[in-house]
Amino acid sequence: MKKREYQQNPHLIETESFIIIQSIIDELEPNYTFETNVHEAIIKRAIHTTADFDYMHSLSFTHDVISKIQNVILKGGTIFTDTNMALSGINKKKLTEYNCDYFCYVGDEKVAAIAKEKGITRSMAAIEVAAQVEGPKCFVLGNAPTAVYKILEMYEDNQLELDAVVGVPVGFVGAEESKEELAKSNIPAIAALGRKGGSNLAAAIINAILYNMPGRE
């Protein structure tokens, strides 16, 4: 059997990947600059996760959102995701180090019952349940535009207190429009403008913030 030479060390693979990402950025846009080190970490990890360099320009950051998300983590708040996939991709060991809770309610029986009774999506019902949880909150959405709309509606009606939203649903029905509204709202948000996004991207954004918390080397 032919012996193949390839990188097998996971840490070296990641390191090399980020070197390649920077080299491609330099080729595409030699004058491209990042606003801060954390912005750089988020954008590069988004590219690393998706191999899509459009995120150099399509990620919108509003109302000092990065520090708001950092505060949720530092204060031991709660991260809510709209999919178990997003939750599984987040480094929960790091969240636990900060005593930050994390939940995905879409599979909860209570949420399913609310969704059936009201004729709404489970993602929308999950927002209603999450609204009852006390303390700092960050919603991390990679799949459900309806969850973005529900957050906007409840926030505007003073029915939901929250600190930040990562709104990056992927798709063709409501995804682009909901993220555009989120980016224009008063809610501190990271939004992936356009149709692109996904649960993997949502998790990558939170991980980039976790790996670049204040005080971390």
C-alpha atoms as a PDB file:
ATOM      1  CA  MET A   1       0.000   0.000   0.000  1.00  0.00           C
ATOM      2  CA  LYS A   2       1.285   3.426  -0.944  1.00  0.00           C
ATOM      3  CA  LYS A   3       2.353   5.499   2.040  1.00  0.00           C
ATOM      4  CA  ARG A   4       0.847   8.966   1.895  1.00  0.00           C
ATOM      5  CA  GLU A   5       2.533  11.979   3.391  1.00  0.00           C
ATOM      6  CA  TYR A   6       0.051  14.371   5.008  1.00  0.00           C
ATOM      7  CA  GLN A   7      -0.364  16.388   8.165  1.00  0.00           C
ATOM      8  CA  GLN A   8      -2.004  14.360  10.949  1.00  0.00           C
ATOM      9  CA  ASN A   9      -1.453  16.558  14.003  1.00  0.00           C
ATOM     10  CA  PRO A  10      -4.751  18.422  14.639  1.00  0.00           C
ATOM     11  CA  HIS A  11      -3.062  21.454  16.217  1.00  0.00           C
ATOM     12  CA  LEU A  12      -0.623  21.815  13.338  1.00  0.00           C
ATOM     13  CA  ILE A  13      -3.455  21.396  10.832  1.00  0.00           C
ATOM     14  CA  GLU A  14      -5.323  24.297  12.436  1.00  0.00           C
ATOM     15  CA  THR A  15      -2.193  26.448  12.658  1.00  0.00           C
ATOM     16  CA  GLU A  16      -1.361  25.839   9.014  1.00  0.00           C
ATOM     17  CA  SER A  17      -4.963  26.521   8.020  1.00  0.00           C
ATOM     18  CA  PHE A  18      -4.903  29.977   9.584  1.00  0.00           C
ATOM     19  CA  ILE A  19      -1.579  30.764   7.909  1.00  0.00           C
ATOM     20  CA  ILE A  20      -3.114  29.829   4.554  1.00  0.00           C
ATOM     21  CA  ILE A  21      -6.222  31.910   5.310  1.00  0.00           C
ATOM     22  CA  GLN A  22      -4.112  34.995   5.965  1.00  0.00           C
ATOM     23  CA  SER A  23      -2.092  34.420   2.799  1.00  0.00           C
ATOM     24  CA  ILE A  24      -5.286  34.213   0.731  1.00  0.00           C
ATOM     25  CA  ILE A  25      -6.646  37.373   2.356  1.00  0.00           C
ATOM     26  CA  ASP A  26      -3.386  39.097   1.435  1.00  0.00           C
ATOM     27  CA  GLU A  27      -3.821  37.952  -2.173  1.00  0.00           C
ATOM     28  CA  LEU A  28      -7.493  38.890  -2.412  1.00  0.00           C
ATOM     29  CA  GLU A  29      -7.274  42.264  -0.652  1.00  0.00           C
ATOM     30  CA  PRO A  30      -3.741  43.381   0.285  1.00  0.00           C
ATOM     31  CA  ASN A  31      -5.102  46.441   2.123  1.00  0.00           C
ATOM     32  CA  TYR A  32      -7.731  44.573   4.128  1.00  0.00           C
ATOM     33  CA  THR A  33      -7.563  45.346   7.845  1.00  0.00           C
ATOM     34  CA  PHE A  34      -9.400  43.990  10.873  1.00  0.00           C
ATOM     35  CA  GLU A  35     -11.060  46.340  13.343  1.00  0.00           C
ATOM     36  CA  THR A  36      -9.676  44.521  16.408  1.00  0.00           C
ATOM     37  CA  ASN A  37      -7.907  41.282  17.262  1.00  0.00           C
ATOM     38  CA  VAL A  38     -11.226  39.731  18.251  1.00  0.00           C
ATOM     39  CA  HIS A  39     -12.841  40.765  14.975  1.00  0.00           C
ATOM     40  CA  GLU A  40      -9.905  39.122  13.229  1.00  0.00           C
ATOM     41  CA  ALA A  41     -10.336  35.934  15.260  1.00  0.00           C
ATOM     42  CA  ILE A  42     -14.066  35.756  14.492  1.00  0.00           C
ATOM     43  CA  ILE A  43     -13.727  36.417  10.770  1.00  0.00           C
ATOM     44  CA  LYS A  44     -10.824  34.018  10.338  1.00  0.00           C
ATOM     45  CA  ARG A  45     -12.564  31.262  12.279  1.00  0.00           C
ATOM     46  CA  ALA A  46     -15.695  31.825  10.194  1.00  0.00           C
ATOM     47  CA  ILE A  47     -13.578  31.355   7.081  1.00  0.00           C
ATOM     48  CA  HIS A  48     -11.792  28.360   8.616  1.00  0.00           C
ATOM     49  CA  THR A  49     -15.138  26.688   9.324  1.00  0.00           C
ATOM     50  CA  THR A  50     -16.764  27.417   5.961  1.00  0.00           C
ATOM     51  CA  ALA A  51     -13.869  28.001   3.509  1.00  0.00           C
ATOM     52  CA  ASP A  52     -15.861  31.047   2.444  1.00  0.00           C
ATOM     53  CA  PHE A  53     -14.006  34.351   2.208  1.00  0.00           C
ATOM     54  CA  ASP A  54     -17.240  36.308   1.747  1.00  0.00           C
ATOM     55  CA  TYR A  55     -17.334  36.550   5.540  1.00  0.00           C
ATOM     56  CA  MET A  56     -14.593  39.152   5.313  1.00  0.00           C
ATOM     57  CA  HIS A  57     -17.390  41.550   4.400  1.00  0.00           C
ATOM     58  CA  SER A  58     -20.744  39.932   5.203  1.00  0.00           C
ATOM     59  CA  LEU A  59     -20.392  39.699   8.976  1.00  0.00           C
ATOM     60  CA  SER A  60     -22.025  42.696  10.614  1.00  0.00           C
ATOM     61  CA  PHE A  61     -21.115  43.747  14.168  1.00  0.00           C
ATOM     62  CA  THR A  62     -23.442  46.211  15.905  1.00  0.00           C
ATOM     63  CA  HIS A  63     -23.721  48.022  19.253  1.00  0.00           C
ATOM     64  CA  ASP A  64     -20.462  46.784  20.806  1.00  0.00           C
ATOM     65  CA  VAL A  65     -21.737  43.225  20.474  1.00  0.00           C
ATOM     66  CA  ILE A  66     -18.446  41.467  21.148  1.00  0.00           C
ATOM     67  CA  SER A  67     -18.038  42.983  24.613  1.00  0.00           C
ATOM     68  CA  LYS A  68     -21.725  42.253  25.299  1.00  0.00           C
ATOM     69  CA  ILE A  69     -21.205  38.562  24.523  1.00  0.00           C
ATOM     70  CA  GLN A  70     -18.019  38.515  26.587  1.00  0.00           C
ATOM     71  CA  ASN A  71     -19.957  39.987  29.515  1.00  0.00           C
ATOM     72  CA  VAL A  72     -22.634  37.286  29.255  1.00  0.00           C
ATOM     73  CA  ILE A  73     -19.895  34.680  29.521  1.00  0.00           C
ATOM     74  CA  LEU A  74     -17.961  36.450  32.282  1.00  0.00           C
ATOM     75  CA  LYS A  75     -21.101  37.011  34.358  1.00  0.00           C
ATOM     76  CA  GLY A  76     -22.119  33.348  34.151  1.00  0.00           C
ATOM     77  CA  GLY A  77     -25.125  34.014  31.956  1.00  0.00           C
ATOM     78  CA  THR A  78     -26.733  31.666  29.456  1.00  0.00           C
ATOM     79  CA  ILE A  79     -26.081  30.848  25.807  1.00  0.00           C
ATOM     80  CA  PHE A  80     -29.187  29.654  23.948  1.00  0.00           C
ATOM     81  CA  THR A  81     -28.848  27.954  20.545  1.00  0.00           C
ATOM     82  CA  ASP A  82     -31.540  27.185  17.983  1.00  0.00           C
ATOM     83  CA  THR A  83     -30.070  23.789  17.056  1.00  0.00           C
ATOM     84  CA  ASN A  84     -28.337  20.960  18.842  1.00  0.00           C
ATOM     85  CA  MET A  85     -25.747  21.084  16.055  1.00  0.00           C
ATOM     86  CA  ALA A  86     -24.750  24.610  17.037  1.00  0.00           C
ATOM     87  CA  LEU A  87     -24.632  23.638  20.689  1.00  0.00           C
ATOM     88  CA  SER A  88     -22.514  20.569  19.964  1.00  0.00           C
ATOM     89  CA  GLY A  89     -19.987  22.707  18.089  1.00  0.00           C
ATOM     90  CA  ILE A  90     -19.469  25.208  20.905  1.00  0.00           C
ATOM     91  CA  ASN A  91     -16.618  24.564  23.315  1.00  0.00           C
ATOM     92  CA  LYS A  92     -18.738  23.825  26.363  1.00  0.00           C
ATOM     93  CA  LYS A  93     -15.694  23.087  28.515  1.00  0.00           C
ATOM     94  CA  LYS A  94     -14.660  26.718  28.082  1.00  0.00           C
ATOM     95  CA  LEU A  95     -18.162  27.954  28.903  1.00  0.00           C
ATOM     96  CA  THR A  96     -18.164  25.827  32.059  1.00  0.00           C
ATOM     97  CA  GLU A  97     -14.860  27.405  33.111  1.00  0.00           C
ATOM     98  CA  TYR A  98     -16.755  30.712  33.231  1.00  0.00           C
ATOM     99  CA  ASN A  99     -19.832  29.148  34.895  1.00  0.00           C
ATOM    100  CA  CYS A 100     -21.790  30.080  31.780  1.00  0.00           C
ATOM    101  CA  ASP A 101     -24.842  27.906  31.114  1.00  0.00           C
ATOM    102  CA  TYR A 102     -25.889  26.668  27.659  1.00  0.00           C
ATOM    103  CA  PHE A 103     -29.151  25.227  26.370  1.00  0.00           C
ATOM    104  CA  CYS A 104     -30.970  24.235  23.218  1.00  0.00           C
ATOM    105  CA  TYR A 105     -34.702  23.977  23.879  1.00  0.00           C
ATOM    106  CA  VAL A 106     -35.964  22.871  20.448  1.00  0.00           C
ATOM    107  CA  GLY A 107     -36.261  19.236  21.539  1.00  0.00           C
ATOM    108  CA  ASP A 108     -37.926  20.056  24.862  1.00  0.00           C
ATOM    109  CA  GLU A 109     -41.418  18.593  25.368  1.00  0.00           C
ATOM    110  CA  LYS A 110     -42.728  21.873  26.775  1.00  0.00           C
ATOM    111  CA  VAL A 111     -41.450  23.727  23.717  1.00  0.00           C
ATOM    112  CA  ALA A 112     -43.028  21.156  21.396  1.00  0.00           C
ATOM    113  CA  ALA A 113     -46.360  21.576  23.183  1.00  0.00           C
ATOM    114  CA  ILE A 114     -46.242  25.385  22.923  1.00  0.00           C
ATOM    115  CA  ALA A 115     -45.356  25.193  19.235  1.00  0.00           C
ATOM    116  CA  LYS A 116     -48.239  22.818  18.511  1.00  0.00           C
ATOM    117  CA  GLU A 117     -50.743  24.841  20.523  1.00  0.00           C
ATOM    118  CA  LYS A 118     -49.821  28.166  18.900  1.00  0.00           C
ATOM    119  CA  GLY A 119     -49.062  26.863  15.422  1.00  0.00           C
ATOM    120  CA  ILE A 120     -45.525  28.273  15.455  1.00  0.00           C
ATOM    121  CA  THR A 121     -42.087  26.759  14.936  1.00  0.00           C
ATOM    122  CA  ARG A 122     -40.288  25.070  17.795  1.00  0.00           C
ATOM    123  CA  SER A 123     -37.529  27.624  17.413  1.00  0.00           C
ATOM    124  CA  MET A 124     -40.030  30.404  18.119  1.00  0.00           C
ATOM    125  CA  ALA A 125     -41.472  28.547  21.098  1.00  0.00           C
ATOM    126  CA  ALA A 126     -37.935  28.003  22.406  1.00  0.00           C
ATOM    127  CA  ILE A 127     -37.404  31.779  22.467  1.00  0.00           C
ATOM    128  CA  GLU A 128     -40.549  32.174  24.575  1.00  0.00           C
ATOM    129  CA  VAL A 129     -39.258  29.611  27.074  1.00  0.00           C
ATOM    130  CA  ALA A 130     -35.767  31.113  27.126  1.00  0.00           C
ATOM    131  CA  ALA A 131     -37.265  34.540  27.858  1.00  0.00           C
ATOM    132  CA  GLN A 132     -38.339  33.205  31.254  1.00  0.00           C
ATOM    133  CA  VAL A 133     -34.765  32.400  32.269  1.00  0.00           C
ATOM    134  CA  GLU A 134     -33.211  35.074  34.473  1.00  0.00           C
ATOM    135  CA  GLY A 135     -29.787  36.575  34.024  1.00  0.00           C
ATOM    136  CA  PRO A 136     -27.642  37.671  31.066  1.00  0.00           C
ATOM    137  CA  LYS A 137     -28.587  36.026  27.763  1.00  0.00           C
ATOM    138  CA  CYS A 138     -27.025  35.537  24.366  1.00  0.00           C
ATOM    139  CA  PHE A 139     -28.952  33.829  21.576  1.00  0.00           C
ATOM    140  CA  VAL A 140     -26.909  31.927  18.984  1.00  0.00           C
ATOM    141  CA  LEU A 141     -28.959  31.195  15.881  1.00  0.00           C
ATOM    142  CA  GLY A 142     -27.658  29.392  12.810  1.00  0.00           C
ATOM    143  CA  ASN A 143     -30.746  27.767  11.378  1.00  0.00           C
ATOM    144  CA  ALA A 144     -34.053  29.456  12.158  1.00  0.00           C
ATOM    145  CA  PRO A 145     -35.025  32.857  10.706  1.00  0.00           C
ATOM    146  CA  THR A 146     -38.297  32.506  12.638  1.00  0.00           C
ATOM    147  CA  ALA A 147     -36.286  32.608  15.868  1.00  0.00           C
ATOM    148  CA  VAL A 148     -34.657  35.873  14.755  1.00  0.00           C
ATOM    149  CA  TYR A 149     -38.068  37.375  13.995  1.00  0.00           C
ATOM    150  CA  LYS A 150     -39.439  36.133  17.328  1.00  0.00           C
ATOM    151  CA  ILE A 151     -36.585  37.787  19.197  1.00  0.00           C
ATOM    152  CA  LEU A 152     -37.175  41.052  17.348  1.00  0.00           C
ATOM    153  CA  GLU A 153     -40.903  40.970  18.102  1.00  0.00           C
ATOM    154  CA  MET A 154     -40.548  40.093  21.780  1.00  0.00           C
ATOM    155  CA  TYR A 155     -37.748  42.626  22.268  1.00  0.00           C
ATOM    156  CA  GLU A 156     -39.806  45.386  20.665  1.00  0.00           C
ATOM    157  CA  ASP A 157     -42.773  44.468  22.882  1.00  0.00           C
ATOM    158  CA  ASN A 158     -40.583  44.509  26.027  1.00  0.00           C
ATOM    159  CA  GLN A 159     -41.240  40.808  26.552  1.00  0.00           C
ATOM    160  CA  LEU A 160     -37.615  39.727  26.263  1.00  0.00           C
ATOM    161  CA  GLU A 161     -34.491  40.951  28.016  1.00  0.00           C
ATOM    162  CA  LEU A 162     -31.259  39.961  26.298  1.00  0.00           C
ATOM    163  CA  ASP A 163     -27.688  41.089  25.922  1.00  0.00           C
ATOM    164  CA  ALA A 164     -26.730  39.959  22.424  1.00  0.00           C
ATOM    165  CA  VAL A 165     -27.637  37.833  19.417  1.00  0.00           C
ATOM    166  CA  VAL A 166     -25.495  35.891  16.984  1.00  0.00           C
ATOM    167  CA  GLY A 167     -27.885  35.731  14.036  1.00  0.00           C
ATOM    168  CA  VAL A 168     -26.511  33.688  11.158  1.00  0.00           C
ATOM    169  CA  PRO A 169     -29.378  31.500   9.840  1.00  0.00           C
ATOM    170  CA  VAL A 170     -28.769  29.968   6.442  1.00  0.00           C
ATOM    171  CA  GLY A 171     -31.451  29.597   3.786  1.00  0.00           C
ATOM    172  CA  PHE A 172     -33.818  31.128   1.292  1.00  0.00           C
ATOM    173  CA  VAL A 173     -37.060  31.808   3.191  1.00  0.00           C
ATOM    174  CA  GLY A 174     -36.661  34.693   5.601  1.00  0.00           C
ATOM    175  CA  ALA A 175     -32.967  34.160   6.301  1.00  0.00           C
ATOM    176  CA  GLU A 176     -31.628  37.190   4.468  1.00  0.00           C
ATOM    177  CA  GLU A 177     -34.506  39.431   5.496  1.00  0.00           C
ATOM    178  CA  SER A 178     -34.451  38.495   9.192  1.00  0.00           C
ATOM    179  CA  LYS A 179     -30.709  39.101   9.476  1.00  0.00           C
ATOM    180  CA  GLU A 180     -31.038  42.455   7.737  1.00  0.00           C
ATOM    181  CA  GLU A 181     -33.659  43.500  10.288  1.00  0.00           C
ATOM    182  CA  LEU A 182     -31.504  42.237  13.144  1.00  0.00           C
ATOM    183  CA  ALA A 183     -28.509  44.244  11.929  1.00  0.00           C
ATOM    184  CA  LYS A 184     -30.659  47.396  11.772  1.00  0.00           C
ATOM    185  CA  SER A 185     -32.231  46.876  15.203  1.00  0.00           C
ATOM    186  CA  ASN A 186     -31.115  48.176  18.583  1.00  0.00           C
ATOM    187  CA  ILE A 187     -30.051  44.693  19.641  1.00  0.00           C
ATOM    188  CA  PRO A 188     -26.284  44.113  19.887  1.00  0.00           C
ATOM    189  CA  ALA A 189     -25.764  41.538  17.159  1.00  0.00           C
ATOM    190  CA  ILE A 190     -23.400  39.671  14.915  1.00  0.00           C
ATOM    191  CA  ALA A 191     -25.299  38.992  11.704  1.00  0.00           C
ATOM    192  CA  ALA A 192     -24.227  37.186   8.544  1.00  0.00           C
ATOM    193  CA  LEU A 193     -25.839  39.375   5.906  1.00  0.00           C
ATOM    194  CA  GLY A 194     -27.210  37.544   2.896  1.00  0.00           C
ATOM    195  CA  ARG A 195     -28.371  33.942   2.559  1.00  0.00           C
ATOM    196  CA  LYS A 196     -25.229  32.272   3.888  1.00  0.00           C
ATOM    197  CA  GLY A 197     -24.751  31.086   7.448  1.00  0.00           C
ATOM    198  CA  GLY A 198     -25.395  27.926   9.411  1.00  0.00           C
ATOM    199  CA  SER A 199     -25.071  26.206  12.764  1.00  0.00           C
ATOM    200  CA  ASN A 200     -21.381  25.519  12.185  1.00  0.00           C
ATOM    201  CA  LEU A 201     -20.780  29.228  11.636  1.00  0.00           C
ATOM    202  CA  ALA A 202     -22.778  30.142  14.746  1.00  0.00           C
ATOM    203  CA  ALA A 203     -20.663  27.813  16.870  1.00  0.00           C
ATOM    204  CA  ALA A 204     -17.429  29.062  15.292  1.00  0.00           C
ATOM    205  CA  ILE A 205     -18.265  32.667  16.194  1.00  0.00           C
ATOM    206  CA  ILE A 206     -18.854  31.816  19.850  1.00  0.00           C
ATOM    207  CA  ASN A 207     -15.687  29.719  19.963  1.00  0.00           C
ATOM    208  CA  ALA A 208     -13.639  32.577  18.507  1.00  0.00           C
ATOM    209  CA  ILE A 209     -14.922  34.834  21.278  1.00  0.00           C
ATOM    210  CA  LEU A 210     -14.262  32.165  23.925  1.00  0.00           C
ATOM    211  CA  TYR A 211     -10.681  31.755  22.761  1.00  0.00           C
ATOM    212  CA  ASN A 212     -10.152  35.515  22.936  1.00  0.00           C
ATOM    213  CA  MET A 213     -11.714  36.473  26.229  1.00  0.00           C
ATOM    214  CA  PRO A 214     -10.270  39.415  28.192  1.00  0.00           C
ATOM    215  CA  GLY A 215      -7.216  38.317  30.129  1.00  0.00           C
ATOM    216  CA  ARG A 216      -6.557  35.239  27.992  1.00  0.00           C
ATOM    217  CA  GLU A 217      -3.113  34.844  26.457  1.00  0.00           C
END
